[in-house]
């Protein structure tokens, strides 16, 4: 069920939820639109960017930290969790950074050009 925003209050562009204290202004092709946190976390352009950073940085860090073991064929049990974490950390950092960068107060969202 979609929430109906109060008169004069900002609403999430995707789900229609009333935005209370803070919102996330995410850029579409022609404008910035307000999103709630759950919808902002699922914003496809941000997730694609996080995935690209994750693949590039994760691969570099895996090569630096585990490359000698991988090339020698000496797969250790600890690598089963170290390598996925090496990819997860840049993904989380990029996503959180994107969300913090997009955070705005409700008063500025009301002033967004439509």
C-alpha atoms as a PDB file:
ATOM      1  CA  UNK A   1       0.000   0.000   0.000  1.00  0.00           C
ATOM      2  CA  UNK A   2       1.382   3.402  -0.995  1.00  0.00           C
ATOM      3  CA  UNK A   3       1.323   6.203   1.544  1.00  0.00           C
ATOM      4  CA  UNK A   4      -0.381   9.420   0.494  1.00  0.00           C
ATOM      5  CA  UNK A   5       1.791  12.434   1.359  1.00  0.00           C
ATOM      6  CA  UNK A   6       0.403  15.328   3.365  1.00  0.00           C
ATOM      7  CA  UNK A   7      -0.203  18.613   1.569  1.00  0.00           C
ATOM      8  CA  UNK A   8       3.123  20.460   1.155  1.00  0.00           C
ATOM      9  CA  UNK A   9       5.302  17.531   2.212  1.00  0.00           C
ATOM     10  CA  UNK A  10       7.760  15.673   0.017  1.00  0.00           C
ATOM     11  CA  UNK A  11       7.054  12.117  -1.109  1.00  0.00           C
ATOM     12  CA  UNK A  12       9.297   9.357  -2.392  1.00  0.00           C
ATOM     13  CA  UNK A  13       9.235   9.307  -6.194  1.00  0.00           C
ATOM     14  CA  UNK A  14       9.203   5.498  -6.314  1.00  0.00           C
ATOM     15  CA  UNK A  15       6.910   4.316  -3.507  1.00  0.00           C
ATOM     16  CA  UNK A  16       5.056   7.525  -2.557  1.00  0.00           C
ATOM     17  CA  UNK A  17       6.034   7.318   1.124  1.00  0.00           C
ATOM     18  CA  UNK A  18       5.966  10.628   2.999  1.00  0.00           C
ATOM     19  CA  UNK A  19       9.516  11.777   3.646  1.00  0.00           C
ATOM     20  CA  UNK A  20       9.988  13.090   7.155  1.00  0.00           C
ATOM     21  CA  UNK A  21      13.446  14.237   8.331  1.00  0.00           C
ATOM     22  CA  UNK A  22      15.795  13.452   5.479  1.00  0.00           C
ATOM     23  CA  UNK A  23      15.531  12.262   1.942  1.00  0.00           C
ATOM     24  CA  UNK A  24      17.879  11.189  -0.809  1.00  0.00           C
ATOM     25  CA  UNK A  25      18.017  13.299  -3.980  1.00  0.00           C
ATOM     26  CA  UNK A  26      19.002  10.965  -6.796  1.00  0.00           C
ATOM     27  CA  UNK A  27      19.625  12.191 -10.307  1.00  0.00           C
ATOM     28  CA  UNK A  28      17.604  10.866 -13.206  1.00  0.00           C
ATOM     29  CA  UNK A  29      18.276  11.859 -16.814  1.00  0.00           C
ATOM     30  CA  UNK A  30      16.695  15.297 -16.510  1.00  0.00           C
ATOM     31  CA  UNK A  31      16.286  16.156 -12.818  1.00  0.00           C
ATOM     32  CA  UNK A  32      16.935  15.232  -9.200  1.00  0.00           C
ATOM     33  CA  UNK A  33      14.114  13.366  -7.511  1.00  0.00           C
ATOM     34  CA  UNK A  34      13.470  12.549  -3.836  1.00  0.00           C
ATOM     35  CA  UNK A  35      13.613   8.954  -2.585  1.00  0.00           C
ATOM     36  CA  UNK A  36      13.220   7.306   0.806  1.00  0.00           C
ATOM     37  CA  UNK A  37      16.150   5.234   2.130  1.00  0.00           C
ATOM     38  CA  UNK A  38      14.826   1.777   1.076  1.00  0.00           C
ATOM     39  CA  UNK A  39      14.146   3.001  -2.471  1.00  0.00           C
ATOM     40  CA  UNK A  40      17.455   4.900  -2.657  1.00  0.00           C
ATOM     41  CA  UNK A  41      19.322   1.727  -1.701  1.00  0.00           C
ATOM     42  CA  UNK A  42      17.751  -0.010  -4.721  1.00  0.00           C
ATOM     43  CA  UNK A  43      18.420   2.832  -7.200  1.00  0.00           C
ATOM     44  CA  UNK A  44      19.762   0.963 -10.290  1.00  0.00           C
ATOM     45  CA  UNK A  45      22.363   3.541 -11.492  1.00  0.00           C
ATOM     46  CA  UNK A  46      23.934   3.700  -8.026  1.00  0.00           C
ATOM     47  CA  UNK A  47      23.997  -0.096  -7.716  1.00  0.00           C
ATOM     48  CA  UNK A  48      25.634  -0.427 -11.161  1.00  0.00           C
ATOM     49  CA  UNK A  49      28.317   2.089 -10.175  1.00  0.00           C
ATOM     50  CA  UNK A  50      28.911   0.257  -6.895  1.00  0.00           C
ATOM     51  CA  UNK A  51      29.190  -3.048  -8.746  1.00  0.00           C
ATOM     52  CA  UNK A  52      31.788  -1.669 -11.186  1.00  0.00           C
ATOM     53  CA  UNK A  53      33.859  -0.237  -8.330  1.00  0.00           C
ATOM     54  CA  UNK A  54      33.496  -3.515  -6.436  1.00  0.00           C
ATOM     55  CA  UNK A  55      34.782  -5.543  -9.395  1.00  0.00           C
ATOM     56  CA  UNK A  56      37.743  -3.273 -10.134  1.00  0.00           C
ATOM     57  CA  UNK A  57      38.875  -2.620  -6.554  1.00  0.00           C
ATOM     58  CA  UNK A  58      38.052  -6.139  -5.344  1.00  0.00           C
ATOM     59  CA  UNK A  59      40.080  -7.702  -8.134  1.00  0.00           C
ATOM     60  CA  UNK A  60      43.059  -5.436  -7.446  1.00  0.00           C
ATOM     61  CA  UNK A  61      42.949  -6.116  -3.707  1.00  0.00           C
ATOM     62  CA  UNK A  62      42.546  -9.862  -4.246  1.00  0.00           C
ATOM     63  CA  UNK A  63      45.564  -9.860  -6.566  1.00  0.00           C
ATOM     64  CA  UNK A  64      47.614  -7.903  -4.019  1.00  0.00           C
ATOM     65  CA  UNK A  65      46.561  -9.870  -0.939  1.00  0.00           C
ATOM     66  CA  UNK A  66      45.985 -13.400  -2.254  1.00  0.00           C
ATOM     67  CA  UNK A  67      47.683 -13.361  -5.665  1.00  0.00           C
ATOM     68  CA  UNK A  68      50.738 -15.358  -4.636  1.00  0.00           C
ATOM     69  CA  UNK A  69      48.560 -18.163  -3.206  1.00  0.00           C
ATOM     70  CA  UNK A  70      46.253 -18.187  -6.239  1.00  0.00           C
ATOM     71  CA  UNK A  71      49.144 -18.325  -8.722  1.00  0.00           C
ATOM     72  CA  UNK A  72      50.832 -21.101  -6.735  1.00  0.00           C
ATOM     73  CA  UNK A  73      47.564 -23.064  -6.589  1.00  0.00           C
ATOM     74  CA  UNK A  74      47.630 -23.078  -2.785  1.00  0.00           C
ATOM     75  CA  UNK A  75      43.993 -22.366  -1.964  1.00  0.00           C
ATOM     76  CA  UNK A  76      43.587 -22.057   1.785  1.00  0.00           C
ATOM     77  CA  UNK A  77      40.315 -22.466   3.664  1.00  0.00           C
ATOM     78  CA  UNK A  78      40.452 -18.850   4.862  1.00  0.00           C
ATOM     79  CA  UNK A  79      40.329 -17.650   1.249  1.00  0.00           C
ATOM     80  CA  UNK A  80      36.714 -18.880   1.050  1.00  0.00           C
ATOM     81  CA  UNK A  81      35.636 -15.907   3.167  1.00  0.00           C
ATOM     82  CA  UNK A  82      38.517 -13.467   2.574  1.00  0.00           C
ATOM     83  CA  UNK A  83      38.002 -13.130  -1.169  1.00  0.00           C
ATOM     84  CA  UNK A  84      34.214 -12.463  -1.006  1.00  0.00           C
ATOM     85  CA  UNK A  85      34.823  -9.915   1.765  1.00  0.00           C
ATOM     86  CA  UNK A  86      37.470  -8.259  -0.401  1.00  0.00           C
ATOM     87  CA  UNK A  87      34.762  -7.633  -2.993  1.00  0.00           C
ATOM     88  CA  UNK A  88      32.007  -6.775  -0.492  1.00  0.00           C
ATOM     89  CA  UNK A  89      33.894  -3.976   1.265  1.00  0.00           C
ATOM     90  CA  UNK A  90      34.313  -1.705  -1.808  1.00  0.00           C
ATOM     91  CA  UNK A  91      30.672  -2.349  -2.771  1.00  0.00           C
ATOM     92  CA  UNK A  92      29.417  -1.299   0.667  1.00  0.00           C
ATOM     93  CA  UNK A  93      31.755   1.705   0.874  1.00  0.00           C
ATOM     94  CA  UNK A  94      30.731   2.965  -2.573  1.00  0.00           C
ATOM     95  CA  UNK A  95      27.016   2.481  -1.866  1.00  0.00           C
ATOM     96  CA  UNK A  96      27.147   4.183   1.544  1.00  0.00           C
ATOM     97  CA  UNK A  97      29.215   7.032   0.072  1.00  0.00           C
ATOM     98  CA  UNK A  98      26.663   7.493  -2.701  1.00  0.00           C
ATOM     99  CA  UNK A  99      23.788   7.534  -0.216  1.00  0.00           C
ATOM    100  CA  UNK A 100      25.525  10.004   2.089  1.00  0.00           C
ATOM    101  CA  UNK A 101      26.332  12.222  -0.875  1.00  0.00           C
ATOM    102  CA  UNK A 102      22.680  12.170  -1.996  1.00  0.00           C
ATOM    103  CA  UNK A 103      21.265  12.931   1.453  1.00  0.00           C
ATOM    104  CA  UNK A 104      19.307  16.166   1.743  1.00  0.00           C
ATOM    105  CA  UNK A 105      17.004  17.803   4.245  1.00  0.00           C
ATOM    106  CA  UNK A 106      13.277  17.916   3.493  1.00  0.00           C
ATOM    107  CA  UNK A 107      13.348  21.713   3.212  1.00  0.00           C
ATOM    108  CA  UNK A 108      15.730  21.523   0.240  1.00  0.00           C
ATOM    109  CA  UNK A 109      13.625  18.810  -1.437  1.00  0.00           C
ATOM    110  CA  UNK A 110      10.575  21.068  -1.357  1.00  0.00           C
ATOM    111  CA  UNK A 111      12.617  23.606  -3.327  1.00  0.00           C
ATOM    112  CA  UNK A 112      13.679  21.131  -6.050  1.00  0.00           C
ATOM    113  CA  UNK A 113      12.745  22.248  -9.552  1.00  0.00           C
ATOM    114  CA  UNK A 114      10.079  20.018 -11.086  1.00  0.00           C
END
